[in-house]
């Protein structure tokens, strides 16, 4: 079967599908389910979020399979989300979306893109050209957790 990929600007009515994608992708890394529950508010995409932030949705054969969003914080642009469903992983969708995000940032005259990465995704972002510049330390359910902060120069 031919795979037909469409990239479109997400609309508020896509919020539920985007949330499903984010949760499925996070679960792919076999985190404990109680951690997933703690992260669910951060991974829940609301219609208002989509309306306020540049959010792009990848659809394969009419099925939403991946998305990313960019968020401006002062002068900085952040890759706020980039998620691919487990079924669509390994098909270069993440790289495709990341390159699209870089293109959008350049169009908005951004000079850098910041990324707070899941530890499991650092290798992907480094392969795409980002470099670690900092880290955010915290805890999840009493366990120490370090989130790398990466930067991509545009």
C-alpha atoms as a PDB file:
ATOM      1  CA  UNK A   1       0.000   0.000   0.000  1.00  0.00           C
ATOM      2  CA  UNK A   2       1.282   3.421  -0.925  1.00  0.00           C
ATOM      3  CA  UNK A   3       2.003   5.679   2.020  1.00  0.00           C
ATOM      4  CA  UNK A   4       0.609   9.187   1.527  1.00  0.00           C
ATOM      5  CA  UNK A   5       2.098  11.767   3.887  1.00  0.00           C
ATOM      6  CA  UNK A   6       0.446  15.131   4.385  1.00  0.00           C
ATOM      7  CA  UNK A   7       1.783  17.899   6.615  1.00  0.00           C
ATOM      8  CA  UNK A   8      -0.743  20.497   7.664  1.00  0.00           C
ATOM      9  CA  UNK A   9      -1.120  23.222  10.214  1.00  0.00           C
ATOM     10  CA  UNK A  10      -2.921  21.709  13.203  1.00  0.00           C
ATOM     11  CA  UNK A  11      -6.314  23.137  14.075  1.00  0.00           C
ATOM     12  CA  UNK A  12      -7.947  23.317  17.525  1.00  0.00           C
ATOM     13  CA  UNK A  13     -10.153  20.334  16.645  1.00  0.00           C
ATOM     14  CA  UNK A  14      -6.985  18.193  16.383  1.00  0.00           C
ATOM     15  CA  UNK A  15      -6.215  18.593  20.104  1.00  0.00           C
ATOM     16  CA  UNK A  16      -7.431  15.141  21.142  1.00  0.00           C
ATOM     17  CA  UNK A  17      -5.489  13.389  18.357  1.00  0.00           C
ATOM     18  CA  UNK A  18      -2.307  15.298  19.244  1.00  0.00           C
ATOM     19  CA  UNK A  19      -2.661  14.337  22.895  1.00  0.00           C
ATOM     20  CA  UNK A  20      -3.053  10.659  21.903  1.00  0.00           C
ATOM     21  CA  UNK A  21       0.113  10.884  19.780  1.00  0.00           C
ATOM     22  CA  UNK A  22       2.134  12.487  22.604  1.00  0.00           C
ATOM     23  CA  UNK A  23       1.021   9.934  25.189  1.00  0.00           C
ATOM     24  CA  UNK A  24       1.621   6.964  22.883  1.00  0.00           C
ATOM     25  CA  UNK A  25       5.099   8.230  21.994  1.00  0.00           C
ATOM     26  CA  UNK A  26       6.025   8.813  25.651  1.00  0.00           C
ATOM     27  CA  UNK A  27       4.793   5.316  26.574  1.00  0.00           C
ATOM     28  CA  UNK A  28       7.059   3.881  23.879  1.00  0.00           C
ATOM     29  CA  UNK A  29      10.034   4.489  26.200  1.00  0.00           C
ATOM     30  CA  UNK A  30       8.540   2.146  28.839  1.00  0.00           C
ATOM     31  CA  UNK A  31       8.275   4.735  31.565  1.00  0.00           C
ATOM     32  CA  UNK A  32       6.218   3.600  34.583  1.00  0.00           C
ATOM     33  CA  UNK A  33       2.531   4.278  34.064  1.00  0.00           C
ATOM     34  CA  UNK A  34       2.385   6.418  37.217  1.00  0.00           C
ATOM     35  CA  UNK A  35       5.020   8.692  35.606  1.00  0.00           C
ATOM     36  CA  UNK A  36       2.880   8.900  32.464  1.00  0.00           C
ATOM     37  CA  UNK A  37      -0.040   9.971  34.667  1.00  0.00           C
ATOM     38  CA  UNK A  38       2.128  12.665  36.274  1.00  0.00           C
ATOM     39  CA  UNK A  39       3.188  13.913  32.823  1.00  0.00           C
ATOM     40  CA  UNK A  40      -0.288  13.768  31.263  1.00  0.00           C
ATOM     41  CA  UNK A  41      -1.054  17.458  31.967  1.00  0.00           C
ATOM     42  CA  UNK A  42       2.163  18.468  30.133  1.00  0.00           C
ATOM     43  CA  UNK A  43       1.366  16.099  27.268  1.00  0.00           C
ATOM     44  CA  UNK A  44      -2.262  17.198  26.918  1.00  0.00           C
ATOM     45  CA  UNK A  45      -2.670  19.498  23.945  1.00  0.00           C
ATOM     46  CA  UNK A  46      -5.625  21.858  24.249  1.00  0.00           C
ATOM     47  CA  UNK A  47      -7.457  23.655  21.461  1.00  0.00           C
ATOM     48  CA  UNK A  48      -6.231  26.938  22.992  1.00  0.00           C
ATOM     49  CA  UNK A  49      -2.616  25.717  22.871  1.00  0.00           C
ATOM     50  CA  UNK A  50      -2.938  24.963  19.153  1.00  0.00           C
ATOM     51  CA  UNK A  51      -4.488  28.372  18.524  1.00  0.00           C
ATOM     52  CA  UNK A  52      -1.650  30.133  20.383  1.00  0.00           C
ATOM     53  CA  UNK A  53       1.377  28.150  19.129  1.00  0.00           C
ATOM     54  CA  UNK A  54       2.597  27.117  15.721  1.00  0.00           C
ATOM     55  CA  UNK A  55       1.644  23.435  15.590  1.00  0.00           C
ATOM     56  CA  UNK A  56       2.025  21.119  12.599  1.00  0.00           C
ATOM     57  CA  UNK A  57       0.425  17.698  12.131  1.00  0.00           C
ATOM     58  CA  UNK A  58       1.696  14.817   9.981  1.00  0.00           C
ATOM     59  CA  UNK A  59      -1.015  12.574   8.573  1.00  0.00           C
ATOM     60  CA  UNK A  60      -0.313   9.284   6.794  1.00  0.00           C
ATOM     61  CA  UNK A  61      -3.200   7.792   4.830  1.00  0.00           C
ATOM     62  CA  UNK A  62      -5.676  10.020   6.725  1.00  0.00           C
ATOM     63  CA  UNK A  63      -4.298   8.891  10.125  1.00  0.00           C
ATOM     64  CA  UNK A  64      -2.626  11.497  12.415  1.00  0.00           C
ATOM     65  CA  UNK A  65       0.780  10.008  13.280  1.00  0.00           C
ATOM     66  CA  UNK A  66       3.097  12.830  14.398  1.00  0.00           C
ATOM     67  CA  UNK A  67       3.237  16.508  15.278  1.00  0.00           C
ATOM     68  CA  UNK A  68       5.464  19.280  16.483  1.00  0.00           C
ATOM     69  CA  UNK A  69       4.909  22.704  17.972  1.00  0.00           C
ATOM     70  CA  UNK A  70       7.015  25.807  18.371  1.00  0.00           C
ATOM     71  CA  UNK A  71       6.630  28.185  21.272  1.00  0.00           C
ATOM     72  CA  UNK A  72       8.100  31.641  21.589  1.00  0.00           C
ATOM     73  CA  UNK A  73       9.437  32.671  24.997  1.00  0.00           C
ATOM     74  CA  UNK A  74      10.762  36.199  24.815  1.00  0.00           C
ATOM     75  CA  UNK A  75      13.407  36.224  22.083  1.00  0.00           C
ATOM     76  CA  UNK A  76      13.849  32.455  22.186  1.00  0.00           C
ATOM     77  CA  UNK A  77      11.998  29.865  20.129  1.00  0.00           C
ATOM     78  CA  UNK A  78      11.509  26.433  21.689  1.00  0.00           C
ATOM     79  CA  UNK A  79      10.589  23.139  20.124  1.00  0.00           C
ATOM     80  CA  UNK A  80       7.836  22.572  22.648  1.00  0.00           C
ATOM     81  CA  UNK A  81       6.664  19.197  21.305  1.00  0.00           C
ATOM     82  CA  UNK A  82       7.815  16.692  18.700  1.00  0.00           C
ATOM     83  CA  UNK A  83       6.107  13.315  18.894  1.00  0.00           C
ATOM     84  CA  UNK A  84       5.744  10.370  16.537  1.00  0.00           C
ATOM     85  CA  UNK A  85       3.476   7.407  17.227  1.00  0.00           C
ATOM     86  CA  UNK A  86       5.365   4.154  17.874  1.00  0.00           C
ATOM     87  CA  UNK A  87       3.821   2.632  14.722  1.00  0.00           C
ATOM     88  CA  UNK A  88       5.288   5.448  12.592  1.00  0.00           C
ATOM     89  CA  UNK A  89       8.732   5.525  14.219  1.00  0.00           C
ATOM     90  CA  UNK A  90      11.652   4.519  12.042  1.00  0.00           C
ATOM     91  CA  UNK A  91      10.140   6.110   8.923  1.00  0.00           C
ATOM     92  CA  UNK A  92      12.093   9.392   9.145  1.00  0.00           C
ATOM     93  CA  UNK A  93       9.018  11.384  10.197  1.00  0.00           C
ATOM     94  CA  UNK A  94      10.812  12.885  13.201  1.00  0.00           C
ATOM     95  CA  UNK A  95      13.641  14.158  11.001  1.00  0.00           C
ATOM     96  CA  UNK A  96      11.146  15.461   8.446  1.00  0.00           C
ATOM     97  CA  UNK A  97       9.211  17.346  11.134  1.00  0.00           C
ATOM     98  CA  UNK A  98      12.381  18.679  12.748  1.00  0.00           C
ATOM     99  CA  UNK A  99      13.668  20.045   9.421  1.00  0.00           C
ATOM    100  CA  UNK A 100      10.259  21.625   8.827  1.00  0.00           C
ATOM    101  CA  UNK A 101      10.402  23.242  12.284  1.00  0.00           C
ATOM    102  CA  UNK A 102      13.844  24.665  11.485  1.00  0.00           C
ATOM    103  CA  UNK A 103      12.501  26.082   8.244  1.00  0.00           C
ATOM    104  CA  UNK A 104       9.576  27.712  10.064  1.00  0.00           C
ATOM    105  CA  UNK A 105      11.962  29.229  12.632  1.00  0.00           C
ATOM    106  CA  UNK A 106      14.112  30.693   9.868  1.00  0.00           C
ATOM    107  CA  UNK A 107      11.011  32.230   8.290  1.00  0.00           C
ATOM    108  CA  UNK A 108      10.294  33.912  11.634  1.00  0.00           C
ATOM    109  CA  UNK A 109      13.890  35.242  11.725  1.00  0.00           C
ATOM    110  CA  UNK A 110      14.862  33.108  14.713  1.00  0.00           C
ATOM    111  CA  UNK A 111      18.608  32.568  15.086  1.00  0.00           C
ATOM    112  CA  UNK A 112      18.435  29.601  17.474  1.00  0.00           C
ATOM    113  CA  UNK A 113      15.969  26.902  18.425  1.00  0.00           C
ATOM    114  CA  UNK A 114      16.015  25.587  21.988  1.00  0.00           C
ATOM    115  CA  UNK A 115      14.955  22.058  22.918  1.00  0.00           C
ATOM    116  CA  UNK A 116      14.285  20.553  26.327  1.00  0.00           C
ATOM    117  CA  UNK A 117      14.745  16.912  25.396  1.00  0.00           C
ATOM    118  CA  UNK A 118      13.605  13.643  26.829  1.00  0.00           C
ATOM    119  CA  UNK A 119      16.849  11.772  27.601  1.00  0.00           C
ATOM    120  CA  UNK A 120      15.840   9.097  25.075  1.00  0.00           C
ATOM    121  CA  UNK A 121      15.671  11.673  22.254  1.00  0.00           C
ATOM    122  CA  UNK A 122      19.052  13.381  22.776  1.00  0.00           C
ATOM    123  CA  UNK A 123      20.801  11.190  20.196  1.00  0.00           C
ATOM    124  CA  UNK A 124      18.171  12.097  17.600  1.00  0.00           C
ATOM    125  CA  UNK A 125      18.569  15.843  18.167  1.00  0.00           C
ATOM    126  CA  UNK A 126      22.358  15.618  18.176  1.00  0.00           C
ATOM    127  CA  UNK A 127      22.228  13.702  14.897  1.00  0.00           C
ATOM    128  CA  UNK A 128      20.102  16.546  13.528  1.00  0.00           C
ATOM    129  CA  UNK A 129      22.813  19.056  14.524  1.00  0.00           C
ATOM    130  CA  UNK A 130      21.705  20.297  17.945  1.00  0.00           C
ATOM    131  CA  UNK A 131      24.190  20.483  20.790  1.00  0.00           C
ATOM    132  CA  UNK A 132      23.707  20.236  24.541  1.00  0.00           C
ATOM    133  CA  UNK A 133      24.082  23.602  26.277  1.00  0.00           C
ATOM    134  CA  UNK A 134      22.511  22.994  29.697  1.00  0.00           C
ATOM    135  CA  UNK A 135      20.316  20.630  31.672  1.00  0.00           C
ATOM    136  CA  UNK A 136      17.286  20.853  33.894  1.00  0.00           C
ATOM    137  CA  UNK A 137      17.396  18.769  37.061  1.00  0.00           C
ATOM    138  CA  UNK A 138      14.286  17.600  38.809  1.00  0.00           C
ATOM    139  CA  UNK A 139      12.496  14.612  40.241  1.00  0.00           C
ATOM    140  CA  UNK A 140       9.705  12.364  39.103  1.00  0.00           C
ATOM    141  CA  UNK A 141       8.016  10.299  41.763  1.00  0.00           C
ATOM    142  CA  UNK A 142      11.067  10.685  44.028  1.00  0.00           C
ATOM    143  CA  UNK A 143      13.512   9.643  41.282  1.00  0.00           C
ATOM    144  CA  UNK A 144      16.141  12.112  40.038  1.00  0.00           C
ATOM    145  CA  UNK A 145      15.621  13.137  36.422  1.00  0.00           C
ATOM    146  CA  UNK A 146      17.905  15.217  34.221  1.00  0.00           C
ATOM    147  CA  UNK A 147      16.522  16.779  31.049  1.00  0.00           C
ATOM    148  CA  UNK A 148      19.140  17.941  28.551  1.00  0.00           C
ATOM    149  CA  UNK A 149      18.701  21.415  27.083  1.00  0.00           C
ATOM    150  CA  UNK A 150      19.890  21.527  23.495  1.00  0.00           C
ATOM    151  CA  UNK A 151      20.385  24.356  21.067  1.00  0.00           C
ATOM    152  CA  UNK A 152      20.212  24.393  17.288  1.00  0.00           C
ATOM    153  CA  UNK A 153      21.835  27.338  15.572  1.00  0.00           C
ATOM    154  CA  UNK A 154      19.919  28.486  12.525  1.00  0.00           C
END
